[in-house]
């Protein structure tokens, strides 16, 4: 059997707060099944690439400061302590593991992950590319291995890519960070009103489409046009925040933010941190990036293949939508998205969404096979193949 590279992403492991998509009671047994699968097949696996959002530092109620990575690991000993029944510590003994930063963990430094793991393992997590264990989070954005390119995907999302303007005291946190925190305020009320325990009990809670947040693309564009007709500067941040507050029936909220010069931020002051998301000069490009929050990454995958014709397989996460498709007129490019690993319990039960991953197998004739797989239970036979493509 040829060696395979395994891609998984959007695990969203948090501290166990009720607004976290990942909940131990639901997702840890499924994740352990996946980790055991990797260990049992280690001889045929070149490496595991975690495509970002391994940890979740966004999905917390506005009144709560998000946790550190060390605290998240301490709160999840079943997967971050040696258990010998499926855990990251035991996996590191047998499989090389790489990590790419996503948006929900864009401030998590690789050195901090390895420092937190140091007392548990002699092995280290590698960056997405290269072997620099000190690679900064802002630079740790992609994986490249010959014909395979992988990234989280948020770099193409107008509202979730890092905000790197120096005058922004919240940098690199983007507008999407505040969208997520406001959503958690709404989600907490929804959990309480339906007498549920946490986000994992709420069907559809893991959707990342801005439609589900009450932010319709046509409303955003219509209000941008109104601003233009009034001769005003485009202010999409203000529009998005207003639409969310209206949809979620919230008044102005106060956010507690960890590790920033501003420990507390109010919604009425957030928009001023993101003044030039859309301008007259970047209008078309910005709208293409805005559309990622609604229709996914297809446009940017096609652009990647046009600009990098030698690339055969592109793997991205971020959208939480599992995908495996050929791109272009021939069969020489494929796009794969593993989906996410923390669908709600009702979605898993009804098979609307399942924890998933992608495997890419390089063959001796220069072609490769791409496998879309899902975890439907906790036993070895519950790792199922959903779809397969041969890339010429």
Protein backbone atom coordinates (compact mmCIF):
# COMPACT_ATOMS: atom_id res chain seq x y z
CA UNK A 1 0.00 0.00 0.00
CA UNK A 2 1.36 3.42 -0.96
CA UNK A 3 1.90 6.02 1.72
CA UNK A 4 -0.93 8.40 2.47
CA UNK A 5 -1.18 11.92 3.87
CA UNK A 6 -4.18 12.41 6.13
CA UNK A 7 -5.92 15.77 6.50
CA UNK A 8 -8.35 16.67 9.26
CA UNK A 9 -9.50 20.08 10.40
CA UNK A 10 -12.03 22.14 12.29
CA UNK A 11 -12.03 20.00 15.43
CA UNK A 12 -12.76 23.17 17.46
CA UNK A 13 -11.64 21.66 20.75
CA UNK A 14 -12.37 24.12 23.53
CA UNK A 15 -12.58 24.30 27.29
CA UNK A 16 -16.00 22.65 27.40
CA UNK A 17 -18.03 25.86 27.54
CA UNK A 18 -21.65 25.30 26.57
CA UNK A 19 -21.17 27.37 23.40
CA UNK A 20 -18.28 25.17 22.16
CA UNK A 21 -19.22 23.05 19.15
CA UNK A 22 -16.89 20.30 20.36
CA UNK A 23 -18.29 18.59 23.46
CA UNK A 24 -16.44 15.70 25.08
CA UNK A 25 -19.54 13.63 25.71
CA UNK A 26 -20.41 13.59 22.02
CA UNK A 27 -17.20 14.06 20.06
CA UNK A 28 -14.37 12.59 22.12
CA UNK A 29 -15.37 8.94 21.46
CA UNK A 30 -15.50 9.67 17.71
CA UNK A 31 -12.16 11.51 17.78
CA UNK A 32 -10.58 8.63 19.72
CA UNK A 33 -11.82 6.22 17.05
CA UNK A 34 -10.12 8.35 14.39
CA UNK A 35 -6.86 8.56 16.37
CA UNK A 36 -6.84 4.78 16.88
CA UNK A 37 -7.37 4.34 13.14
CA UNK A 38 -4.27 6.46 12.49
CA UNK A 39 -2.19 4.46 14.97
CA UNK A 40 -3.35 1.13 13.58
CA UNK A 41 -2.44 2.26 10.04
CA UNK A 42 0.71 4.21 10.99
CA UNK A 43 2.99 2.21 8.68
CA UNK A 44 0.99 3.45 5.68
CA UNK A 45 0.62 7.08 6.81
CA UNK A 46 3.27 9.61 5.90
CA UNK A 47 1.89 12.32 8.16
CA UNK A 48 -1.25 13.83 9.66
CA UNK A 49 -1.95 17.46 8.76
CA UNK A 50 -4.32 19.35 11.06
CA UNK A 51 -5.85 22.01 8.83
CA UNK A 52 -6.51 24.67 11.44
CA UNK A 53 -9.15 25.26 14.10
CA UNK A 54 -7.67 22.41 16.12
CA UNK A 55 -8.43 24.61 19.10
CA UNK A 56 -11.29 27.05 19.50
CA UNK A 57 -10.60 30.41 21.12
CA UNK A 58 -13.62 32.16 19.57
CA UNK A 59 -16.80 30.30 20.49
CA UNK A 60 -17.34 31.76 23.94
CA UNK A 61 -20.00 34.01 25.40
CA UNK A 62 -19.01 37.69 25.11
CA UNK A 63 -18.86 38.03 28.90
CA UNK A 64 -16.22 35.25 29.19
CA UNK A 65 -12.55 35.63 28.28
CA UNK A 66 -11.46 32.72 26.03
CA UNK A 67 -9.05 30.15 27.53
CA UNK A 68 -5.42 29.40 26.76
CA UNK A 69 -4.30 26.32 24.82
CA UNK A 70 -2.81 24.89 27.99
CA UNK A 71 -6.17 25.12 29.76
CA UNK A 72 -7.94 23.50 26.80
CA UNK A 73 -5.51 20.57 26.93
CA UNK A 74 -5.99 20.24 30.69
CA UNK A 75 -9.76 20.19 30.21
CA UNK A 76 -9.46 17.38 27.64
CA UNK A 77 -7.18 14.75 29.23
CA UNK A 78 -8.83 11.96 27.26
CA UNK A 79 -7.06 13.12 24.11
CA UNK A 80 -4.14 15.17 25.47
CA UNK A 81 -2.88 12.64 28.03
CA UNK A 82 -1.48 9.22 27.22
CA UNK A 83 -4.48 6.87 27.35
CA UNK A 84 -3.52 4.17 24.83
CA UNK A 85 -7.07 4.12 23.49
CA UNK A 86 -6.76 6.95 21.01
CA UNK A 87 -5.00 10.17 21.99
CA UNK A 88 -2.66 12.72 20.43
CA UNK A 89 0.22 11.85 22.77
CA UNK A 90 0.33 8.18 21.78
CA UNK A 91 -0.21 9.13 18.14
CA UNK A 92 2.93 11.32 18.17
CA UNK A 93 4.99 8.20 18.95
CA UNK A 94 4.02 6.69 15.60
CA UNK A 95 2.87 9.41 13.18
CA UNK A 96 4.37 12.76 12.21
CA UNK A 97 1.83 15.51 12.94
CA UNK A 98 1.71 18.96 11.35
CA UNK A 99 -0.50 21.89 12.33
CA UNK A 100 -1.70 24.85 10.25
CA UNK A 101 -3.33 27.81 11.98
CA UNK A 102 -6.98 28.48 11.22
CA UNK A 103 -9.11 31.47 12.17
CA UNK A 104 -10.45 30.21 15.51
CA UNK A 105 -6.87 29.47 16.59
CA UNK A 106 -5.06 32.15 14.58
CA UNK A 107 -3.29 33.44 17.68
CA UNK A 108 -2.15 30.03 18.89
CA UNK A 109 1.62 29.79 18.56
CA UNK A 110 3.22 26.47 17.67
CA UNK A 111 5.82 26.93 20.40
CA UNK A 112 3.01 27.27 22.98
CA UNK A 113 1.43 24.01 21.77
CA UNK A 114 4.74 22.18 22.04
CA UNK A 115 5.49 23.75 25.39
CA UNK A 116 2.13 22.53 26.71
CA UNK A 117 2.88 19.07 25.32
CA UNK A 118 6.46 18.94 26.65
CA UNK A 119 5.50 17.29 29.95
CA UNK A 120 3.44 14.68 28.11
CA UNK A 121 5.59 13.76 25.11
CA UNK A 122 9.16 14.01 23.82
CA UNK A 123 7.77 14.50 20.32
CA UNK A 124 6.74 17.83 18.82
CA UNK A 125 4.09 19.10 16.47
CA UNK A 126 5.55 20.37 13.19
CA UNK A 127 4.43 23.51 11.34
CA UNK A 128 2.45 23.21 8.13
CA UNK A 129 5.62 23.49 6.05
CA UNK A 130 9.26 23.12 7.02
CA UNK A 131 10.65 22.15 10.41
CA UNK A 132 10.79 25.45 12.28
CA UNK A 133 9.20 24.79 15.66
CA UNK A 134 9.26 28.55 16.29
CA UNK A 135 7.29 29.42 13.15
CA UNK A 136 4.89 32.22 14.04
CA UNK A 137 1.15 31.77 13.72
CA UNK A 138 0.84 34.46 11.02
CA UNK A 139 3.32 32.55 8.81
CA UNK A 140 2.03 29.06 9.58
CA UNK A 141 -0.76 29.12 7.01
CA UNK A 142 -0.18 26.34 4.47
CA UNK A 143 1.09 22.84 3.72
CA UNK A 144 2.98 22.04 0.53
CA UNK A 145 4.30 18.66 -0.56
CA UNK A 146 5.02 18.29 -4.25
CA UNK A 147 1.59 17.98 -5.92
CA UNK A 148 -0.45 18.65 -2.76
CA UNK A 149 -1.38 22.07 -1.38
CA UNK A 150 -3.40 22.55 1.79
CA UNK A 151 -4.55 25.45 3.94
CA UNK A 152 -7.37 26.24 6.31
CA UNK A 153 -9.09 28.62 3.87
CA UNK A 154 -9.85 31.63 6.06
CA UNK A 155 -7.11 33.62 4.30
CA UNK A 156 -9.62 34.04 1.43
CA UNK A 157 -12.53 35.04 3.69
CA UNK A 158 -12.96 38.81 3.94
CA UNK A 159 -14.42 38.63 7.43
CA UNK A 160 -12.15 35.96 8.89
CA UNK A 161 -8.69 36.53 7.45
CA UNK A 162 -6.17 38.10 9.85
CA UNK A 163 -6.57 41.84 10.36
CA UNK A 164 -2.97 42.96 10.15
CA UNK A 165 -3.37 46.75 10.16
CA UNK A 166 -1.09 48.04 12.89
CA UNK A 167 -3.54 50.65 14.17
CA UNK A 168 -6.05 47.93 15.09
CA UNK A 169 -5.67 47.11 18.81
CA UNK A 170 -7.44 43.78 18.20
CA UNK A 171 -5.03 42.62 15.48
CA UNK A 172 -4.82 40.00 14.15
CA UNK A 173 -8.38 39.19 15.20
CA UNK A 174 -10.78 39.91 12.30
CA UNK A 175 -14.36 41.10 12.30
CA UNK A 176 -15.46 37.45 12.21
CA UNK A 177 -14.16 37.02 15.74
CA UNK A 178 -16.84 39.39 17.03
CA UNK A 179 -19.45 37.80 14.78
CA UNK A 180 -18.65 34.46 16.46
CA UNK A 181 -18.84 35.93 19.96
CA UNK A 182 -22.20 37.61 19.24
CA UNK A 183 -23.48 34.34 17.78
CA UNK A 184 -22.49 32.59 21.02
CA UNK A 185 -24.65 35.05 22.96
CA UNK A 186 -27.58 34.08 20.74
CA UNK A 187 -26.66 30.37 20.92
CA UNK A 188 -26.58 30.42 24.71
CA UNK A 189 -30.11 31.85 24.79
CA UNK A 190 -31.22 29.22 22.27
CA UNK A 191 -29.72 26.45 24.41
CA UNK A 192 -31.56 27.73 27.47
CA UNK A 193 -34.89 28.25 25.70
CA UNK A 194 -34.93 24.68 24.37
CA UNK A 195 -33.73 23.19 27.66
CA UNK A 196 -30.60 21.77 26.05
CA UNK A 197 -27.25 21.23 27.74
CA UNK A 198 -24.87 22.72 25.18
CA UNK A 199 -24.23 23.53 21.51
CA UNK A 200 -23.82 19.85 20.61
CA UNK A 201 -27.53 19.35 21.39
CA UNK A 202 -28.67 22.05 18.94
CA UNK A 203 -29.20 20.92 15.35
CA UNK A 204 -27.22 22.95 12.83
CA UNK A 205 -25.19 24.77 15.47
CA UNK A 206 -21.92 24.15 13.59
CA UNK A 207 -22.95 26.01 10.44
CA UNK A 208 -20.50 28.75 9.44
CA UNK A 209 -22.67 30.31 6.74
CA UNK A 210 -23.43 33.93 7.55
CA UNK A 211 -27.00 33.26 6.42
CA UNK A 212 -27.48 31.27 9.62
CA UNK A 213 -26.26 34.29 11.61
CA UNK A 214 -28.92 36.54 10.10
CA UNK A 215 -26.48 38.23 7.71
CA UNK A 216 -27.88 37.89 4.20
CA UNK A 217 -25.53 38.65 1.31
CA UNK A 218 -28.17 40.60 -0.63
CA UNK A 219 -28.86 42.74 2.46
CA UNK A 220 -25.17 43.47 2.85
CA UNK A 221 -24.78 44.47 -0.82
CA UNK A 222 -27.99 46.54 -0.76
CA UNK A 223 -26.81 48.54 2.24
CA UNK A 224 -23.37 49.01 0.70
CA UNK A 225 -25.08 50.48 -2.36
CA UNK A 226 -27.09 52.79 -0.14
CA UNK A 227 -23.89 54.01 1.48
CA UNK A 228 -22.42 54.65 -1.98
CA UNK A 229 -25.51 56.59 -3.12
CA UNK A 230 -25.27 58.77 -0.02
CA UNK A 231 -21.63 59.46 -0.83
CA UNK A 232 -20.47 57.69 2.31
CA UNK A 233 -17.41 55.52 2.79
CA UNK A 234 -18.20 51.79 2.65
CA UNK A 235 -18.66 50.43 6.17
CA UNK A 236 -19.46 46.70 5.92
CA UNK A 237 -18.40 46.09 9.52
CA UNK A 238 -21.11 48.40 10.81
CA UNK A 239 -23.70 46.79 8.52
CA UNK A 240 -22.81 43.26 9.63
CA UNK A 241 -22.86 44.09 13.31
CA UNK A 242 -26.24 45.85 12.97
CA UNK A 243 -27.72 42.91 11.03
CA UNK A 244 -26.50 40.45 13.66
CA UNK A 245 -27.83 42.46 16.56
CA UNK A 246 -31.20 42.81 14.84
CA UNK A 247 -31.39 39.10 14.04
CA UNK A 248 -30.34 38.01 17.51
CA UNK A 249 -32.45 40.66 19.27
CA UNK A 250 -29.44 41.88 21.20
CA UNK A 251 -28.63 45.30 22.45
CA UNK A 252 -25.04 46.48 22.58
CA UNK A 253 -22.75 43.83 24.04
CA UNK A 254 -19.51 43.99 25.96
CA UNK A 255 -16.74 41.53 25.07
CA UNK A 256 -14.02 40.24 27.36
CA UNK A 257 -10.88 39.60 25.31
CA UNK A 258 -7.78 37.82 26.56
CA UNK A 259 -4.28 39.13 25.88
CA UNK A 260 -5.18 42.46 24.26
CA UNK A 261 -4.46 46.06 25.15
CA UNK A 262 -8.23 46.48 25.36
CA UNK A 263 -9.48 43.98 27.92
CA UNK A 264 -13.12 44.87 27.21
CA UNK A 265 -14.71 46.01 23.95
CA UNK A 266 -18.26 47.18 23.15
CA UNK A 267 -20.04 46.38 19.88
CA UNK A 268 -20.55 50.05 19.10
CA UNK A 269 -16.78 50.46 18.95
CA UNK A 270 -15.91 47.32 16.98
CA UNK A 271 -16.61 48.67 13.47
CA UNK A 272 -13.95 51.35 13.79
CA UNK A 273 -11.28 48.63 14.02
CA UNK A 274 -12.12 47.46 10.46
CA UNK A 275 -12.43 50.64 8.35
CA UNK A 276 -11.25 49.46 4.92
CA UNK A 277 -12.63 45.99 4.38
CA UNK A 278 -14.37 47.16 1.20
CA UNK A 279 -13.30 50.21 -0.79
CA UNK A 280 -13.94 51.51 -4.29
CA UNK A 281 -10.53 50.18 -5.33
CA UNK A 282 -10.96 46.61 -4.06
CA UNK A 283 -14.74 46.28 -4.44
CA UNK A 284 -14.82 43.22 -6.76
CA UNK A 285 -12.03 41.33 -4.99
CA UNK A 286 -13.54 42.11 -1.59
CA UNK A 287 -16.98 40.83 -2.63
CA UNK A 288 -15.39 37.58 -3.88
CA UNK A 289 -13.84 37.20 -0.44
CA UNK A 290 -17.11 38.14 1.27
CA UNK A 291 -18.92 35.43 -0.68
CA UNK A 292 -16.78 32.75 1.01
CA UNK A 293 -18.97 33.18 4.10
CA UNK A 294 -21.94 32.08 1.97
CA UNK A 295 -20.86 29.90 -0.95
CA UNK A 296 -17.51 28.45 0.09
CA UNK A 297 -14.00 28.44 -1.37
CA UNK A 298 -14.59 27.15 -4.91
CA UNK A 299 -13.51 30.38 -6.62
CA UNK A 300 -10.19 30.48 -4.78
CA UNK A 301 -9.52 26.77 -5.36
CA UNK A 302 -9.93 27.31 -9.11
CA UNK A 303 -7.64 30.35 -8.98
CA UNK A 304 -5.02 28.30 -7.14
CA UNK A 305 -5.01 25.65 -9.87
CA UNK A 306 -4.80 28.30 -12.60
CA UNK A 307 -1.81 29.91 -10.90
CA UNK A 308 -0.22 26.58 -9.91
CA UNK A 309 -0.92 24.10 -12.72
CA UNK A 310 1.57 21.58 -11.31
CA UNK A 311 -0.63 21.16 -8.23
CA UNK A 312 -2.91 18.12 -8.42
CA UNK A 313 -4.76 18.26 -5.11
CA UNK A 314 -5.89 21.22 -3.00
CA UNK A 315 -7.28 20.58 0.47
CA UNK A 316 -9.04 23.28 2.48
CA UNK A 317 -11.29 23.37 5.54
CA UNK A 318 -13.02 26.38 7.13
CA UNK A 319 -16.48 25.97 5.54
CA UNK A 320 -17.48 22.83 7.52
CA UNK A 321 -18.81 21.38 4.26
CA UNK A 322 -17.21 18.06 3.17
CA UNK A 323 -16.33 18.17 -0.50
CA UNK A 324 -14.53 16.01 -3.05
CA UNK A 325 -14.66 17.11 -6.67
CA UNK A 326 -12.61 17.39 -9.83
CA UNK A 327 -11.75 20.90 -10.99
CA UNK A 328 -11.32 22.07 -14.55
CA UNK A 329 -12.07 20.27 -17.80
CA UNK A 330 -9.84 17.25 -17.21
CA UNK A 331 -9.15 14.88 -14.35
CA UNK A 332 -5.84 16.41 -13.30
CA UNK A 333 -7.00 18.60 -10.39
CA UNK A 334 -9.09 17.74 -7.34
CA UNK A 335 -10.45 19.81 -4.46
CA UNK A 336 -11.11 18.13 -1.12
CA UNK A 337 -12.58 19.51 2.08
CA UNK A 338 -12.76 17.15 5.09
CA UNK A 339 -15.68 19.02 6.64
CA UNK A 340 -15.53 19.39 10.41
CA UNK A 341 -15.22 17.05 13.36
CA UNK A 342 -17.84 18.49 15.70
CA UNK A 343 -21.33 18.35 14.14
CA UNK A 344 -24.19 18.50 16.59
CA UNK A 345 -25.57 15.27 18.01
CA UNK A 346 -28.90 15.59 16.12
CA UNK A 347 -27.00 16.16 12.85
CA UNK A 348 -24.83 13.08 13.47
CA UNK A 349 -27.83 10.95 14.44
CA UNK A 350 -29.75 11.92 11.29
CA UNK A 351 -26.60 11.59 9.12
CA UNK A 352 -26.91 15.22 8.02
CA UNK A 353 -23.29 15.77 8.98
CA UNK A 354 -20.53 13.45 10.19
CA UNK A 355 -16.97 13.95 11.47
CA UNK A 356 -14.72 13.53 8.47
CA UNK A 357 -11.21 13.51 7.07
CA UNK A 358 -9.37 13.24 3.77
CA UNK A 359 -6.56 10.94 2.66
CA UNK A 360 -4.31 11.58 -0.34
CA UNK A 361 -2.37 8.61 -1.69
CA UNK A 362 0.47 9.15 -4.15
CA UNK A 363 0.82 6.29 -6.63
CA UNK A 364 3.97 5.07 -8.37
CA UNK A 365 2.74 6.14 -11.83
CA UNK A 366 2.63 9.81 -10.79
CA UNK A 367 -1.13 9.91 -10.25
CA UNK A 368 -2.87 10.00 -6.89
CA UNK A 369 -6.10 8.93 -5.25
CA UNK A 370 -8.09 11.14 -2.90
CA UNK A 371 -10.39 9.55 -0.32
CA UNK A 372 -13.22 11.25 1.54
CA UNK A 373 -13.89 9.37 4.78
CA UNK A 374 -16.25 9.73 7.74
CA UNK A 375 -16.44 8.49 11.31
CA UNK A 376 -19.91 7.09 11.96
CA UNK A 377 -19.25 5.36 15.29
CA UNK A 378 -16.60 4.27 17.77
CA UNK A 379 -15.49 0.91 16.31
CA UNK A 380 -12.88 0.22 13.58
CA UNK A 381 -15.57 -0.68 11.07
CA UNK A 382 -17.14 2.75 11.67
CA UNK A 383 -14.46 4.47 9.59
CA UNK A 384 -16.21 4.51 6.23
CA UNK A 385 -15.18 5.61 2.76
CA UNK A 386 -17.63 8.14 1.36
CA UNK A 387 -16.06 8.93 -2.03
CA UNK A 388 -12.85 8.40 -4.00
CA UNK A 389 -11.29 10.22 -6.96
CA UNK A 390 -8.32 9.32 -9.15
CA UNK A 391 -6.31 12.38 -10.18
CA UNK A 392 -4.28 11.90 -13.35
